Amino acid sequence: MAEMALIIVGAIFVNNVVFTKFLGICPYLGVSKKIDTAVGMSMAVVFVLTLAGAITYILQYYVLVPIKMEYLQTIVFILVIASLVQLVEIVMKKVAPALYKALGIFLPLITTNCAILGIAILSVQSNYNFLLTVVFSFASAIGFGVALILFAGIRETLEIREVPKVFAGAPIALIIAGILAMAFMGFAGMVK
């Protein structure tokens, strides 16, 4: 139980997938202009990443390892992630069409979100059991969501503020992302 709590705190705050692993930067910068879109993307990432963690664990240890084809890990994981994203897209189109339209091109971009693949591979490299893999995947997705929603909130606030012309748009967004990364560094040392 203590190990699980350490994994959760570590994945969300200390070893945040965006700020320490630098994974998922494209959607982090691309979907962070509005909080609504950031929340929707975060929910989609939580769903896809948690399922991807569980399925890739099963495929790794019950298919690839027994037949000694671990070298196919990346290709198999990419196929699983692409399939899951298609599933999320179909479900979201039926259940939440407004959110589906709001996400637009960003939903299919989850397929190329390196955070999804990166966490699946990190889970295998960490030798977590099935439960810890699912917990690590879920917590990493929550960490991604926390980073994305915080950043979106700040960017929405900046839209109504007077920002010097030189910093308007992408420059101020990158400066804020850097400041957030430094803020999350304050959690370093809490968990290894």
C-alpha atoms as a PDB file:
ATOM      1  CA  MET A   1       0.000   0.000   0.000  1.00  0.00           C
ATOM      2  CA  ALA A   2       2.827   2.402   0.824  1.00  0.00           C
ATOM      3  CA  GLU A   3       4.530   1.588  -2.477  1.00  0.00           C
ATOM      4  CA  MET A   4       1.305   2.374  -4.307  1.00  0.00           C
ATOM      5  CA  ALA A   5       0.972   5.733  -2.532  1.00  0.00           C
ATOM      6  CA  LEU A   6       4.578   6.581  -3.423  1.00  0.00           C
ATOM      7  CA  ILE A   7       3.941   5.688  -7.067  1.00  0.00           C
ATOM      8  CA  ILE A   8       0.830   7.890  -7.146  1.00  0.00           C
ATOM      9  CA  VAL A   9       2.476  10.925  -5.535  1.00  0.00           C
ATOM     10  CA  GLY A  10       5.613  10.397  -7.594  1.00  0.00           C
ATOM     11  CA  ALA A  11       3.787  10.127 -10.919  1.00  0.00           C
ATOM     12  CA  ILE A  12       1.555  13.147 -10.302  1.00  0.00           C
ATOM     13  CA  PHE A  13       3.953  15.604  -8.691  1.00  0.00           C
ATOM     14  CA  VAL A  14       7.583  14.509  -8.398  1.00  0.00           C
ATOM     15  CA  ASN A  15       8.107  12.716 -11.707  1.00  0.00           C
ATOM     16  CA  ASN A  16       5.359  14.456 -13.668  1.00  0.00           C
ATOM     17  CA  VAL A  17       5.323  13.127 -17.207  1.00  0.00           C
ATOM     18  CA  VAL A  18       5.329  16.636 -18.719  1.00  0.00           C
ATOM     19  CA  PHE A  19       7.776  18.417 -16.433  1.00  0.00           C
ATOM     20  CA  THR A  20      10.398  15.751 -15.712  1.00  0.00           C
ATOM     21  CA  LYS A  21      10.090  13.270 -18.570  1.00  0.00           C
ATOM     22  CA  PHE A  22       9.233  15.935 -21.191  1.00  0.00           C
ATOM     23  CA  LEU A  23       6.624  13.639 -22.717  1.00  0.00           C
ATOM     24  CA  GLY A  24       3.352  14.908 -24.124  1.00  0.00           C
ATOM     25  CA  ILE A  25       4.608  18.423 -24.836  1.00  0.00           C
ATOM     26  CA  CYS A  26       2.686  18.778 -28.140  1.00  0.00           C
ATOM     27  CA  PRO A  27      -0.794  18.321 -26.634  1.00  0.00           C
ATOM     28  CA  TYR A  28       0.366  20.207 -23.531  1.00  0.00           C
ATOM     29  CA  LEU A  29       1.025  23.310 -25.618  1.00  0.00           C
ATOM     30  CA  GLY A  30      -1.683  22.697 -28.221  1.00  0.00           C
ATOM     31  CA  VAL A  31      -4.753  21.975 -26.090  1.00  0.00           C
ATOM     32  CA  SER A  32      -4.041  24.364 -23.245  1.00  0.00           C
ATOM     33  CA  LYS A  33      -5.781  27.506 -24.490  1.00  0.00           C
ATOM     34  CA  LYS A  34      -9.126  26.779 -22.804  1.00  0.00           C
ATOM     35  CA  ILE A  35      -9.853  24.925 -19.579  1.00  0.00           C
ATOM     36  CA  ASP A  36     -12.837  23.049 -21.073  1.00  0.00           C
ATOM     37  CA  THR A  37     -10.697  21.581 -23.830  1.00  0.00           C
ATOM     38  CA  ALA A  38      -7.896  20.805 -21.375  1.00  0.00           C
ATOM     39  CA  VAL A  39     -10.297  18.933 -19.085  1.00  0.00           C
ATOM     40  CA  GLY A  40     -11.685  16.949 -22.014  1.00  0.00           C
ATOM     41  CA  MET A  41      -8.221  16.058 -23.259  1.00  0.00           C
ATOM     42  CA  SER A  42      -7.186  15.109 -19.721  1.00  0.00           C
ATOM     43  CA  MET A  43     -10.146  12.750 -19.377  1.00  0.00           C
ATOM     44  CA  ALA A  44      -9.379  11.178 -22.736  1.00  0.00           C
ATOM     45  CA  VAL A  45      -5.714  10.732 -21.758  1.00  0.00           C
ATOM     46  CA  VAL A  46      -6.689   9.197 -18.385  1.00  0.00           C
ATOM     47  CA  PHE A  47      -8.944   6.697 -20.126  1.00  0.00           C
ATOM     48  CA  VAL A  48      -6.497   5.815 -22.915  1.00  0.00           C
ATOM     49  CA  LEU A  49      -3.385   5.734 -20.723  1.00  0.00           C
ATOM     50  CA  THR A  50      -4.940   3.584 -18.006  1.00  0.00           C
ATOM     51  CA  LEU A  51      -6.296   1.081 -20.523  1.00  0.00           C
ATOM     52  CA  ALA A  52      -3.058   1.170 -22.515  1.00  0.00           C
ATOM     53  CA  GLY A  53      -1.058   0.425 -19.368  1.00  0.00           C
ATOM     54  CA  ALA A  54      -3.208  -2.607 -18.549  1.00  0.00           C
ATOM     55  CA  ILE A  55      -3.306  -3.982 -22.085  1.00  0.00           C
ATOM     56  CA  THR A  56       0.373  -3.414 -22.817  1.00  0.00           C
ATOM     57  CA  TYR A  57       1.318  -5.159 -19.549  1.00  0.00           C
ATOM     58  CA  ILE A  58      -0.722  -8.201 -20.544  1.00  0.00           C
ATOM     59  CA  LEU A  59       0.739  -8.242 -24.051  1.00  0.00           C
ATOM     60  CA  GLN A  60       4.288  -7.775 -22.779  1.00  0.00           C
ATOM     61  CA  TYR A  61       4.298 -10.461 -20.105  1.00  0.00           C
ATOM     62  CA  TYR A  62       1.805 -12.963 -21.509  1.00  0.00           C
ATOM     63  CA  VAL A  63       2.548 -12.717 -25.236  1.00  0.00           C
ATOM     64  CA  LEU A  64       5.872 -11.082 -26.070  1.00  0.00           C
ATOM     65  CA  VAL A  65       8.030 -12.460 -23.234  1.00  0.00           C
ATOM     66  CA  PRO A  66       6.866 -16.111 -23.544  1.00  0.00           C
ATOM     67  CA  ILE A  67       7.564 -16.164 -27.283  1.00  0.00           C
ATOM     68  CA  LYS A  68      10.804 -14.191 -26.771  1.00  0.00           C
ATOM     69  CA  MET A  69       9.773 -11.314 -29.034  1.00  0.00           C
ATOM     70  CA  GLU A  70      10.255  -8.397 -26.630  1.00  0.00           C
ATOM     71  CA  TYR A  71      11.908  -6.492 -29.470  1.00  0.00           C
ATOM     72  CA  LEU A  72       8.426  -5.986 -30.977  1.00  0.00           C
ATOM     73  CA  GLN A  73       7.332  -4.097 -27.851  1.00  0.00           C
ATOM     74  CA  THR A  74       7.286  -0.624 -29.394  1.00  0.00           C
ATOM     75  CA  ILE A  75       5.370  -1.676 -32.500  1.00  0.00           C
ATOM     76  CA  VAL A  76       2.814  -3.676 -30.501  1.00  0.00           C
ATOM     77  CA  PHE A  77       2.355  -0.843 -28.006  1.00  0.00           C
ATOM     78  CA  ILE A  78       1.817   1.707 -30.797  1.00  0.00           C
ATOM     79  CA  LEU A  79      -0.842  -0.519 -32.387  1.00  0.00           C
ATOM     80  CA  VAL A  80      -2.624  -0.928 -29.039  1.00  0.00           C
ATOM     81  CA  ILE A  81      -2.576   2.820 -28.395  1.00  0.00           C
ATOM     82  CA  ALA A  82      -3.853   3.627 -31.894  1.00  0.00           C
ATOM     83  CA  SER A  83      -6.712   1.153 -31.442  1.00  0.00           C
ATOM     84  CA  LEU A  84      -7.637   2.582 -28.045  1.00  0.00           C
ATOM     85  CA  VAL A  85      -7.698   6.119 -29.428  1.00  0.00           C
ATOM     86  CA  GLN A  86     -10.075   5.002 -32.172  1.00  0.00           C
ATOM     87  CA  LEU A  87     -12.302   3.468 -29.486  1.00  0.00           C
ATOM     88  CA  VAL A  88     -12.257   6.679 -27.427  1.00  0.00           C
ATOM     89  CA  GLU A  89     -13.044   8.704 -30.539  1.00  0.00           C
ATOM     90  CA  ILE A  90     -16.069   6.540 -31.371  1.00  0.00           C
ATOM     91  CA  VAL A  91     -17.365   6.622 -27.784  1.00  0.00           C
ATOM     92  CA  MET A  92     -16.813  10.371 -27.434  1.00  0.00           C
ATOM     93  CA  LYS A  93     -18.594  11.069 -30.732  1.00  0.00           C
ATOM     94  CA  LYS A  94     -21.689   9.228 -29.403  1.00  0.00           C
ATOM     95  CA  VAL A  95     -21.588  10.285 -25.741  1.00  0.00           C
ATOM     96  CA  ALA A  96     -20.195  13.856 -25.845  1.00  0.00           C
ATOM     97  CA  PRO A  97     -20.436  15.301 -29.359  1.00  0.00           C
ATOM     98  CA  ALA A  98     -19.755  18.868 -28.155  1.00  0.00           C
ATOM     99  CA  LEU A  99     -16.525  17.776 -26.479  1.00  0.00           C
ATOM    100  CA  TYR A 100     -15.645  15.716 -29.544  1.00  0.00           C
ATOM    101  CA  LYS A 101     -16.029  18.817 -31.745  1.00  0.00           C
ATOM    102  CA  ALA A 102     -14.138  20.992 -29.240  1.00  0.00           C
ATOM    103  CA  LEU A 103     -11.184  18.626 -29.235  1.00  0.00           C
ATOM    104  CA  GLY A 104     -11.194  18.497 -33.020  1.00  0.00           C
ATOM    105  CA  ILE A 105      -7.850  17.356 -34.371  1.00  0.00           C
ATOM    106  CA  PHE A 106      -6.357  16.922 -30.900  1.00  0.00           C
ATOM    107  CA  LEU A 107      -8.203  13.695 -30.122  1.00  0.00           C
ATOM    108  CA  PRO A 108      -6.515  11.747 -32.928  1.00  0.00           C
ATOM    109  CA  LEU A 109      -3.258  13.335 -31.773  1.00  0.00           C
ATOM    110  CA  ILE A 110      -3.437  11.203 -28.620  1.00  0.00           C
ATOM    111  CA  THR A 111      -2.247   8.434 -30.934  1.00  0.00           C
ATOM    112  CA  THR A 112       1.004  10.317 -31.393  1.00  0.00           C
ATOM    113  CA  ASN A 113       1.158  11.553 -27.805  1.00  0.00           C
ATOM    114  CA  CYS A 114       4.514  10.244 -26.728  1.00  0.00           C
ATOM    115  CA  ALA A 115       3.376  10.321 -23.089  1.00  0.00           C
ATOM    116  CA  ILE A 116       1.079   7.353 -23.718  1.00  0.00           C
ATOM    117  CA  LEU A 117       3.799   5.221 -25.302  1.00  0.00           C
ATOM    118  CA  GLY A 118       6.424   6.502 -22.884  1.00  0.00           C
ATOM    119  CA  ILE A 119       4.456   5.546 -19.779  1.00  0.00           C
ATOM    120  CA  ALA A 120       3.671   2.093 -21.188  1.00  0.00           C
ATOM    121  CA  ILE A 121       7.381   1.500 -21.804  1.00  0.00           C
ATOM    122  CA  LEU A 122       8.411   3.009 -18.433  1.00  0.00           C
ATOM    123  CA  SER A 123       5.968   0.657 -16.687  1.00  0.00           C
ATOM    124  CA  VAL A 124       7.632  -2.346 -18.295  1.00  0.00           C
ATOM    125  CA  GLN A 125      11.126  -1.019 -17.545  1.00  0.00           C
ATOM    126  CA  SER A 126      10.179  -0.445 -13.899  1.00  0.00           C
ATOM    127  CA  ASN A 127       9.166  -4.125 -13.535  1.00  0.00           C
ATOM    128  CA  TYR A 128       5.839  -3.205 -11.943  1.00  0.00           C
ATOM    129  CA  ASN A 129       3.258  -5.936 -11.451  1.00  0.00           C
ATOM    130  CA  PHE A 130      -0.129  -5.586 -13.135  1.00  0.00           C
ATOM    131  CA  LEU A 131      -1.785  -3.575 -10.354  1.00  0.00           C
ATOM    132  CA  LEU A 132       1.165  -1.196  -9.998  1.00  0.00           C
ATOM    133  CA  THR A 133       1.305  -0.757 -13.783  1.00  0.00           C
ATOM    134  CA  VAL A 134      -2.352   0.286 -13.867  1.00  0.00           C
ATOM    135  CA  VAL A 135      -1.860   2.586 -10.857  1.00  0.00           C
ATOM    136  CA  PHE A 136       1.282   4.128 -12.392  1.00  0.00           C
ATOM    137  CA  SER A 137      -0.485   4.641 -15.731  1.00  0.00           C
ATOM    138  CA  PHE A 138      -3.520   6.210 -14.068  1.00  0.00           C
ATOM    139  CA  ALA A 139      -1.430   8.462 -11.807  1.00  0.00           C
ATOM    140  CA  SER A 140       0.765   9.550 -14.731  1.00  0.00           C
ATOM    141  CA  ALA A 141      -2.365  10.462 -16.679  1.00  0.00           C
ATOM    142  CA  ILE A 142      -3.644  12.440 -13.681  1.00  0.00           C
ATOM    143  CA  GLY A 143      -0.260  14.194 -13.521  1.00  0.00           C
ATOM    144  CA  PHE A 144      -0.556  15.053 -17.220  1.00  0.00           C
ATOM    145  CA  GLY A 145      -4.065  16.367 -16.583  1.00  0.00           C
ATOM    146  CA  VAL A 146      -2.966  18.457 -13.602  1.00  0.00           C
ATOM    147  CA  ALA A 147      -0.192  20.038 -15.667  1.00  0.00           C
ATOM    148  CA  LEU A 148      -2.507  20.637 -18.630  1.00  0.00           C
ATOM    149  CA  ILE A 149      -5.361  22.147 -16.608  1.00  0.00           C
ATOM    150  CA  LEU A 150      -3.044  24.400 -14.567  1.00  0.00           C
ATOM    151  CA  PHE A 151      -1.420  25.638 -17.745  1.00  0.00           C
ATOM    152  CA  ALA A 152      -4.805  26.180 -19.433  1.00  0.00           C
ATOM    153  CA  GLY A 153      -6.047  28.190 -16.451  1.00  0.00           C
ATOM    154  CA  ILE A 154      -3.012  30.441 -16.587  1.00  0.00           C
ATOM    155  CA  ARG A 155      -3.302  30.871 -20.365  1.00  0.00           C
ATOM    156  CA  GLU A 156      -6.996  31.769 -20.088  1.00  0.00           C
ATOM    157  CA  THR A 157      -6.110  34.399 -17.501  1.00  0.00           C
ATOM    158  CA  LEU A 158      -3.390  35.771 -19.775  1.00  0.00           C
ATOM    159  CA  GLU A 159      -5.971  36.283 -22.535  1.00  0.00           C
ATOM    160  CA  ILE A 160      -7.640  39.043 -20.504  1.00  0.00           C
ATOM    161  CA  ARG A 161      -4.384  40.599 -19.286  1.00  0.00           C
ATOM    162  CA  GLU A 162      -2.196  43.068 -21.090  1.00  0.00           C
ATOM    163  CA  VAL A 163       0.904  41.193 -22.153  1.00  0.00           C
ATOM    164  CA  PRO A 164       3.724  43.084 -23.885  1.00  0.00           C
ATOM    165  CA  LYS A 165       3.501  42.561 -27.657  1.00  0.00           C
ATOM    166  CA  VAL A 166       6.900  40.871 -27.725  1.00  0.00           C
ATOM    167  CA  PHE A 167       5.675  38.166 -25.342  1.00  0.00           C
ATOM    168  CA  ALA A 168       2.141  37.712 -26.706  1.00  0.00           C
ATOM    169  CA  GLY A 169       1.172  34.204 -27.819  1.00  0.00           C
ATOM    170  CA  ALA A 170       3.723  31.414 -27.851  1.00  0.00           C
ATOM    171  CA  PRO A 171       6.570  33.251 -26.039  1.00  0.00           C
ATOM    172  CA  ILE A 172       4.547  33.890 -22.871  1.00  0.00           C
ATOM    173  CA  ALA A 173       3.139  30.352 -23.036  1.00  0.00           C
ATOM    174  CA  LEU A 174       6.647  28.882 -23.092  1.00  0.00           C
ATOM    175  CA  ILE A 175       7.786  31.165 -20.265  1.00  0.00           C
ATOM    176  CA  ILE A 176       4.798  30.080 -18.145  1.00  0.00           C
ATOM    177  CA  ALA A 177       5.470  26.415 -18.979  1.00  0.00           C
ATOM    178  CA  GLY A 178       9.043  26.866 -17.765  1.00  0.00           C
ATOM    179  CA  ILE A 179       7.889  28.526 -14.550  1.00  0.00           C
ATOM    180  CA  LEU A 180       5.407  25.702 -13.928  1.00  0.00           C
ATOM    181  CA  ALA A 181       8.167  23.148 -14.490  1.00  0.00           C
ATOM    182  CA  MET A 182      10.337  24.935 -11.926  1.00  0.00           C
ATOM    183  CA  ALA A 183       7.401  25.039  -9.502  1.00  0.00           C
ATOM    184  CA  PHE A 184       6.980  21.273  -9.828  1.00  0.00           C
ATOM    185  CA  MET A 185      10.698  20.872  -9.118  1.00  0.00           C
ATOM    186  CA  GLY A 186       9.777  21.932  -5.576  1.00  0.00           C
ATOM    187  CA  PHE A 187       8.306  18.461  -5.112  1.00  0.00           C
ATOM    188  CA  ALA A 188      11.675  16.822  -5.893  1.00  0.00           C
ATOM    189  CA  GLY A 189      12.952  14.732  -3.033  1.00  0.00           C
ATOM    190  CA  MET A 190       9.487  13.782  -1.752  1.00  0.00           C
ATOM    191  CA  VAL A 191       9.639  10.444  -3.546  1.00  0.00           C
ATOM    192  CA  LYS A 192      12.391   8.691  -5.439  1.00  0.00           C
END
